[in-house]
Amino acid sequence: MTTETNIPALASLEYIPFIDDNGQLPEQLQGKIGVYAIFDQDKLLQFVGYSRDVYLSIKQHLVRQPQYCYWVKAQTIERPNRTVLENIEHAWIAENGSVPEGNADSKDRWTQPIDVKLVMTAEEQANYHNPANDEMAQIKIIKNVARRVEAEIITVLEVRGLQTQIRFNPKLKENGLLDLK
């Protein structure tokens, strides 16, 4: 178990592939409390976070930022302790020498549901803002945009070989948001 005085250096931890040879996410992190660091294809640090279930969190990040999620390093602890988790997070960011983009300007893209309104095509925007549309028509349009974005994400992950099932929360789609269920 990690304590405040025993913070492992990020460099000392081994890289775990986000998607293994069988197309699975790192199941050894399922249900584990801990701090994790996410790296891109070139093993450059992109994001550091902590969670009560590291597996679910990295799955969420993979969906939100698939282009940056290739490797993960994690340190788990037995009991939840926010102070210990935050100390490890801060130590790893300091060890990196700079704040990763995912912990700085683009933090919302890593930690918040995907807002599909931000990726609407010009045609979808024109359709959505058409004054002839009532609220129900707008909801239908935004749900279709959400379905399109969801399909694009799933395609990207399938191309990378992901076999783990990804299920988005259907209730959020009518609000133009995508998040895992």
C-alpha atoms as a PDB file:
ATOM      1  CA  MET A   1       0.000   0.000   0.000  1.00  0.00           C
ATOM      2  CA  THR A   2       1.211   3.472  -0.838  1.00  0.00           C
ATOM      3  CA  THR A   3       1.523   6.084   1.870  1.00  0.00           C
ATOM      4  CA  GLU A   4       2.388   9.763   1.625  1.00  0.00           C
ATOM      5  CA  THR A   5       6.064   9.045   2.268  1.00  0.00           C
ATOM      6  CA  ASN A   6       6.183   6.259  -0.314  1.00  0.00           C
ATOM      7  CA  ILE A   7       5.177   7.882  -3.597  1.00  0.00           C
ATOM      8  CA  PRO A   8       6.494   5.825  -6.526  1.00  0.00           C
ATOM      9  CA  ALA A   9       8.261   7.732  -9.276  1.00  0.00           C
ATOM     10  CA  LEU A  10       6.165   7.731 -12.426  1.00  0.00           C
ATOM     11  CA  ALA A  11       9.260   6.710 -14.406  1.00  0.00           C
ATOM     12  CA  SER A  12       9.627   3.589 -12.235  1.00  0.00           C
ATOM     13  CA  LEU A  13       6.217   2.174 -13.179  1.00  0.00           C
ATOM     14  CA  GLU A  14       5.726  -0.031 -16.212  1.00  0.00           C
ATOM     15  CA  TYR A  15       3.686   0.991 -19.237  1.00  0.00           C
ATOM     16  CA  ILE A  16       0.472  -0.972 -19.634  1.00  0.00           C
ATOM     17  CA  PRO A  17      -1.119  -0.963 -23.100  1.00  0.00           C
ATOM     18  CA  PHE A  18      -4.570   0.634 -23.127  1.00  0.00           C
ATOM     19  CA  ILE A  19      -5.745  -2.094 -25.471  1.00  0.00           C
ATOM     20  CA  ASP A  20      -3.981  -5.445 -25.126  1.00  0.00           C
ATOM     21  CA  ASP A  21      -3.366  -8.086 -27.811  1.00  0.00           C
ATOM     22  CA  ASN A  22      -6.836  -9.551 -27.119  1.00  0.00           C
ATOM     23  CA  GLY A  23      -8.541  -6.175 -27.588  1.00  0.00           C
ATOM     24  CA  GLN A  24      -9.222  -5.746 -23.865  1.00  0.00           C
ATOM     25  CA  LEU A  25      -8.625  -2.861 -21.499  1.00  0.00           C
ATOM     26  CA  PRO A  26      -6.349  -3.515 -18.472  1.00  0.00           C
ATOM     27  CA  GLU A  27      -8.688  -5.656 -16.370  1.00  0.00           C
ATOM     28  CA  GLN A  28      -6.186  -5.775 -13.500  1.00  0.00           C
ATOM     29  CA  LEU A  29      -7.257  -2.174 -12.769  1.00  0.00           C
ATOM     30  CA  GLN A  30     -10.967  -3.052 -12.497  1.00  0.00           C
ATOM     31  CA  GLY A  31     -12.412  -1.914  -9.172  1.00  0.00           C
ATOM     32  CA  LYS A  32      -9.021  -0.564  -8.039  1.00  0.00           C
ATOM     33  CA  ILE A  33      -8.601   2.783  -6.286  1.00  0.00           C
ATOM     34  CA  GLY A  34      -5.596   4.669  -7.534  1.00  0.00           C
ATOM     35  CA  VAL A  35      -3.765   7.259  -9.554  1.00  0.00           C
ATOM     36  CA  TYR A  36      -3.132   6.765 -13.254  1.00  0.00           C
ATOM     37  CA  ALA A  37      -1.129   8.487 -15.968  1.00  0.00           C
ATOM     38  CA  ILE A  38      -2.192   8.328 -19.614  1.00  0.00           C
ATOM     39  CA  PHE A  39       0.320   8.463 -22.454  1.00  0.00           C
ATOM     40  CA  ASP A  40      -0.025   8.857 -26.212  1.00  0.00           C
ATOM     41  CA  GLN A  41       1.415   6.541 -28.848  1.00  0.00           C
ATOM     42  CA  ASP A  42       4.889   8.095 -28.386  1.00  0.00           C
ATOM     43  CA  LYS A  43       4.661   7.628 -24.591  1.00  0.00           C
ATOM     44  CA  LEU A  44       4.316  11.360 -23.933  1.00  0.00           C
ATOM     45  CA  LEU A  45       2.295  12.122 -20.800  1.00  0.00           C
ATOM     46  CA  GLN A  46      -1.168  13.458 -21.660  1.00  0.00           C
ATOM     47  CA  PHE A  47      -3.190  13.273 -18.413  1.00  0.00           C
ATOM     48  CA  VAL A  48      -2.869  12.338 -14.739  1.00  0.00           C
ATOM     49  CA  GLY A  49      -5.934  11.534 -12.663  1.00  0.00           C
ATOM     50  CA  TYR A  50      -7.195   9.468  -9.762  1.00  0.00           C
ATOM     51  CA  SER A  51     -10.279   7.363  -9.285  1.00  0.00           C
ATOM     52  CA  ARG A  52     -12.201   4.940  -7.102  1.00  0.00           C
ATOM     53  CA  ASP A  53     -12.229   2.624 -10.162  1.00  0.00           C
ATOM     54  CA  VAL A  54      -9.228   3.196 -12.402  1.00  0.00           C
ATOM     55  CA  TYR A  55     -10.577   0.790 -15.057  1.00  0.00           C
ATOM     56  CA  LEU A  56     -13.852   2.707 -15.499  1.00  0.00           C
ATOM     57  CA  SER A  57     -12.013   6.025 -15.584  1.00  0.00           C
ATOM     58  CA  ILE A  58      -9.530   4.992 -18.251  1.00  0.00           C
ATOM     59  CA  LYS A  59     -12.367   3.484 -20.294  1.00  0.00           C
ATOM     60  CA  GLN A  60     -14.118   6.866 -20.113  1.00  0.00           C
ATOM     61  CA  HIS A  61     -10.905   8.679 -21.175  1.00  0.00           C
ATOM     62  CA  LEU A  62     -10.415   6.263 -24.090  1.00  0.00           C
ATOM     63  CA  VAL A  63     -13.837   7.192 -25.441  1.00  0.00           C
ATOM     64  CA  ARG A  64     -13.330  10.931 -24.906  1.00  0.00           C
ATOM     65  CA  GLN A  65      -9.728  11.158 -26.188  1.00  0.00           C
ATOM     66  CA  PRO A  66      -8.925   7.984 -28.187  1.00  0.00           C
ATOM     67  CA  GLN A  67      -6.111   9.674 -30.099  1.00  0.00           C
ATOM     68  CA  TYR A  68      -4.147  10.204 -26.849  1.00  0.00           C
ATOM     69  CA  CYS A  69      -4.843   6.946 -24.969  1.00  0.00           C
ATOM     70  CA  TYR A  70      -2.267   4.311 -25.856  1.00  0.00           C
ATOM     71  CA  TRP A  71      -0.410   3.627 -22.605  1.00  0.00           C
ATOM     72  CA  VAL A  72      -1.257   3.867 -18.927  1.00  0.00           C
ATOM     73  CA  LYS A  73       0.721   3.667 -15.709  1.00  0.00           C
ATOM     74  CA  ALA A  74      -1.104   3.211 -12.420  1.00  0.00           C
ATOM     75  CA  GLN A  75      -0.489   3.090  -8.691  1.00  0.00           C
ATOM     76  CA  THR A  76      -3.296   1.551  -6.664  1.00  0.00           C
ATOM     77  CA  ILE A  77      -4.056   1.893  -2.962  1.00  0.00           C
ATOM     78  CA  GLU A  78      -6.192  -0.268  -0.687  1.00  0.00           C
ATOM     79  CA  ARG A  79      -8.444   2.369   0.898  1.00  0.00           C
ATOM     80  CA  PRO A  80      -9.698   5.641  -0.563  1.00  0.00           C
ATOM     81  CA  ASN A  81      -7.639   8.553   0.693  1.00  0.00           C
ATOM     82  CA  ARG A  82      -7.979  11.758  -1.316  1.00  0.00           C
ATOM     83  CA  THR A  83      -4.859  13.312   0.223  1.00  0.00           C
ATOM     84  CA  VAL A  84      -2.664  10.356  -0.752  1.00  0.00           C
ATOM     85  CA  LEU A  85      -4.181  10.246  -4.261  1.00  0.00           C
ATOM     86  CA  GLU A  86      -3.718  14.002  -4.784  1.00  0.00           C
ATOM     87  CA  ASN A  87      -0.143  13.861  -3.492  1.00  0.00           C
ATOM     88  CA  ILE A  88       0.738  11.141  -6.005  1.00  0.00           C
ATOM     89  CA  GLU A  89      -1.009  13.062  -8.804  1.00  0.00           C
ATOM     90  CA  HIS A  90       0.908  16.265  -7.962  1.00  0.00           C
ATOM     91  CA  ALA A  91       4.217  14.399  -7.615  1.00  0.00           C
ATOM     92  CA  TRP A  92       3.818  12.780 -11.040  1.00  0.00           C
ATOM     93  CA  ILE A  93       2.949  16.090 -12.708  1.00  0.00           C
ATOM     94  CA  ALA A  94       5.984  17.704 -11.032  1.00  0.00           C
ATOM     95  CA  GLU A  95       8.166  14.771 -12.134  1.00  0.00           C
ATOM     96  CA  ASN A  96       6.987  15.357 -15.712  1.00  0.00           C
ATOM     97  CA  GLY A  97       8.406  18.892 -15.575  1.00  0.00           C
ATOM     98  CA  SER A  98       5.280  20.480 -17.025  1.00  0.00           C
ATOM     99  CA  VAL A  99       1.532  20.174 -16.639  1.00  0.00           C
ATOM    100  CA  PRO A 100       0.165  17.720 -19.243  1.00  0.00           C
ATOM    101  CA  GLU A 101      -2.301  19.251 -21.701  1.00  0.00           C
ATOM    102  CA  GLY A 102      -5.077  17.056 -20.271  1.00  0.00           C
ATOM    103  CA  ASN A 103      -4.597  18.617 -16.838  1.00  0.00           C
ATOM    104  CA  ALA A 104      -4.430  22.150 -18.255  1.00  0.00           C
ATOM    105  CA  ASP A 105      -6.354  23.837 -21.050  1.00  0.00           C
ATOM    106  CA  SER A 106      -8.045  20.706 -22.393  1.00  0.00           C
ATOM    107  CA  LYS A 107      -9.073  19.240 -19.002  1.00  0.00           C
ATOM    108  CA  ASP A 108     -12.809  19.370 -19.838  1.00  0.00           C
ATOM    109  CA  ARG A 109     -12.250  17.177 -22.902  1.00  0.00           C
ATOM    110  CA  TRP A 110     -10.748  14.551 -20.581  1.00  0.00           C
ATOM    111  CA  THR A 111     -13.146  14.825 -17.649  1.00  0.00           C
ATOM    112  CA  GLN A 112     -16.540  15.914 -18.991  1.00  0.00           C
ATOM    113  CA  PRO A 113     -19.068  14.169 -21.264  1.00  0.00           C
ATOM    114  CA  ILE A 114     -18.564  14.792 -24.984  1.00  0.00           C
ATOM    115  CA  ASP A 115     -20.679  17.753 -26.138  1.00  0.00           C
ATOM    116  CA  VAL A 116     -21.710  16.807 -29.673  1.00  0.00           C
ATOM    117  CA  LYS A 117     -22.912  20.344 -30.390  1.00  0.00           C
ATOM    118  CA  LEU A 118     -19.240  21.292 -30.644  1.00  0.00           C
ATOM    119  CA  VAL A 119     -18.666  18.829 -33.507  1.00  0.00           C
ATOM    120  CA  MET A 120     -21.821  19.401 -35.546  1.00  0.00           C
ATOM    121  CA  THR A 121     -21.330  19.728 -39.283  1.00  0.00           C
ATOM    122  CA  ALA A 122     -22.459  22.959 -40.972  1.00  0.00           C
ATOM    123  CA  GLU A 123     -25.475  21.088 -42.342  1.00  0.00           C
ATOM    124  CA  GLU A 124     -26.394  19.746 -38.892  1.00  0.00           C
ATOM    125  CA  GLN A 125     -26.065  23.219 -37.385  1.00  0.00           C
ATOM    126  CA  ALA A 126     -28.284  24.762 -40.060  1.00  0.00           C
ATOM    127  CA  ASN A 127     -30.830  22.003 -39.520  1.00  0.00           C
ATOM    128  CA  TYR A 128     -30.700  22.388 -35.721  1.00  0.00           C
ATOM    129  CA  HIS A 129     -31.092  26.187 -35.802  1.00  0.00           C
ATOM    130  CA  ASN A 130     -33.841  26.175 -38.434  1.00  0.00           C
ATOM    131  CA  PRO A 131     -36.602  28.450 -37.012  1.00  0.00           C
ATOM    132  CA  ALA A 132     -39.252  26.045 -38.321  1.00  0.00           C
ATOM    133  CA  ASN A 133     -38.091  23.378 -35.856  1.00  0.00           C
ATOM    134  CA  ASP A 134     -39.829  22.943 -32.546  1.00  0.00           C
ATOM    135  CA  GLU A 135     -38.091  21.541 -29.452  1.00  0.00           C
ATOM    136  CA  MET A 136     -38.909  17.934 -30.386  1.00  0.00           C
ATOM    137  CA  ALA A 137     -37.382  18.382 -33.854  1.00  0.00           C
ATOM    138  CA  GLN A 138     -34.228  19.844 -32.279  1.00  0.00           C
ATOM    139  CA  ILE A 139     -33.989  16.908 -29.850  1.00  0.00           C
ATOM    140  CA  LYS A 140     -34.294  14.474 -32.754  1.00  0.00           C
ATOM    141  CA  ILE A 141     -31.546  16.300 -34.670  1.00  0.00           C
ATOM    142  CA  ILE A 142     -29.190  16.394 -31.683  1.00  0.00           C
ATOM    143  CA  LYS A 143     -29.799  12.690 -30.964  1.00  0.00           C
ATOM    144  CA  ASN A 144     -28.849  11.888 -34.555  1.00  0.00           C
ATOM    145  CA  VAL A 145     -25.669  13.959 -34.204  1.00  0.00           C
ATOM    146  CA  ALA A 146     -24.883  12.057 -30.984  1.00  0.00           C
ATOM    147  CA  ARG A 147     -25.429   8.746 -32.790  1.00  0.00           C
ATOM    148  CA  ARG A 148     -23.108   9.839 -35.609  1.00  0.00           C
ATOM    149  CA  VAL A 149     -20.353  10.881 -33.187  1.00  0.00           C
ATOM    150  CA  GLU A 150     -20.838   7.667 -31.175  1.00  0.00           C
ATOM    151  CA  ALA A 151     -20.466   5.579 -34.348  1.00  0.00           C
ATOM    152  CA  GLU A 152     -17.295   7.485 -35.282  1.00  0.00           C
ATOM    153  CA  ILE A 153     -15.759   6.852 -31.845  1.00  0.00           C
ATOM    154  CA  ILE A 154     -16.652   3.153 -31.928  1.00  0.00           C
ATOM    155  CA  THR A 155     -15.178   2.830 -35.431  1.00  0.00           C
ATOM    156  CA  VAL A 156     -11.890   4.425 -34.296  1.00  0.00           C
ATOM    157  CA  LEU A 157     -11.717   2.045 -31.316  1.00  0.00           C
ATOM    158  CA  GLU A 158     -12.570  -1.019 -33.422  1.00  0.00           C
ATOM    159  CA  VAL A 159      -9.801  -0.091 -35.875  1.00  0.00           C
ATOM    160  CA  ARG A 160      -7.448  -0.092 -32.869  1.00  0.00           C
ATOM    161  CA  GLY A 161      -8.676  -3.605 -32.061  1.00  0.00           C
ATOM    162  CA  LEU A 162     -10.875  -2.897 -29.045  1.00  0.00           C
ATOM    163  CA  GLN A 163     -13.104  -5.863 -28.182  1.00  0.00           C
ATOM    164  CA  THR A 164     -14.414  -4.491 -24.856  1.00  0.00           C
ATOM    165  CA  GLN A 165     -18.035  -3.423 -25.166  1.00  0.00           C
ATOM    166  CA  ILE A 166     -18.633   0.324 -25.117  1.00  0.00           C
ATOM    167  CA  ARG A 167     -22.127   1.425 -24.122  1.00  0.00           C
ATOM    168  CA  PHE A 168     -23.137   5.064 -24.063  1.00  0.00           C
ATOM    169  CA  ASN A 169     -25.824   6.424 -21.757  1.00  0.00           C
ATOM    170  CA  PRO A 170     -28.874   6.778 -24.051  1.00  0.00           C
ATOM    171  CA  LYS A 171     -30.571   9.336 -21.755  1.00  0.00           C
ATOM    172  CA  LEU A 172     -27.813  11.898 -22.298  1.00  0.00           C
ATOM    173  CA  LYS A 173     -28.029  11.841 -26.098  1.00  0.00           C
ATOM    174  CA  GLU A 174     -31.098  14.072 -26.283  1.00  0.00           C
ATOM    175  CA  ASN A 175     -29.048  16.700 -24.414  1.00  0.00           C
ATOM    176  CA  GLY A 176     -26.291  16.365 -26.983  1.00  0.00           C
ATOM    177  CA  LEU A 177     -23.931  14.600 -24.579  1.00  0.00           C
ATOM    178  CA  LEU A 178     -22.055  11.314 -24.863  1.00  0.00           C
ATOM    179  CA  ASP A 179     -20.842   9.502 -21.790  1.00  0.00           C
ATOM    180  CA  LEU A 180     -20.473   5.863 -20.899  1.00  0.00           C
ATOM    181  CA  LYS A 181     -23.234   4.131 -18.993  1.00  0.00           C
END
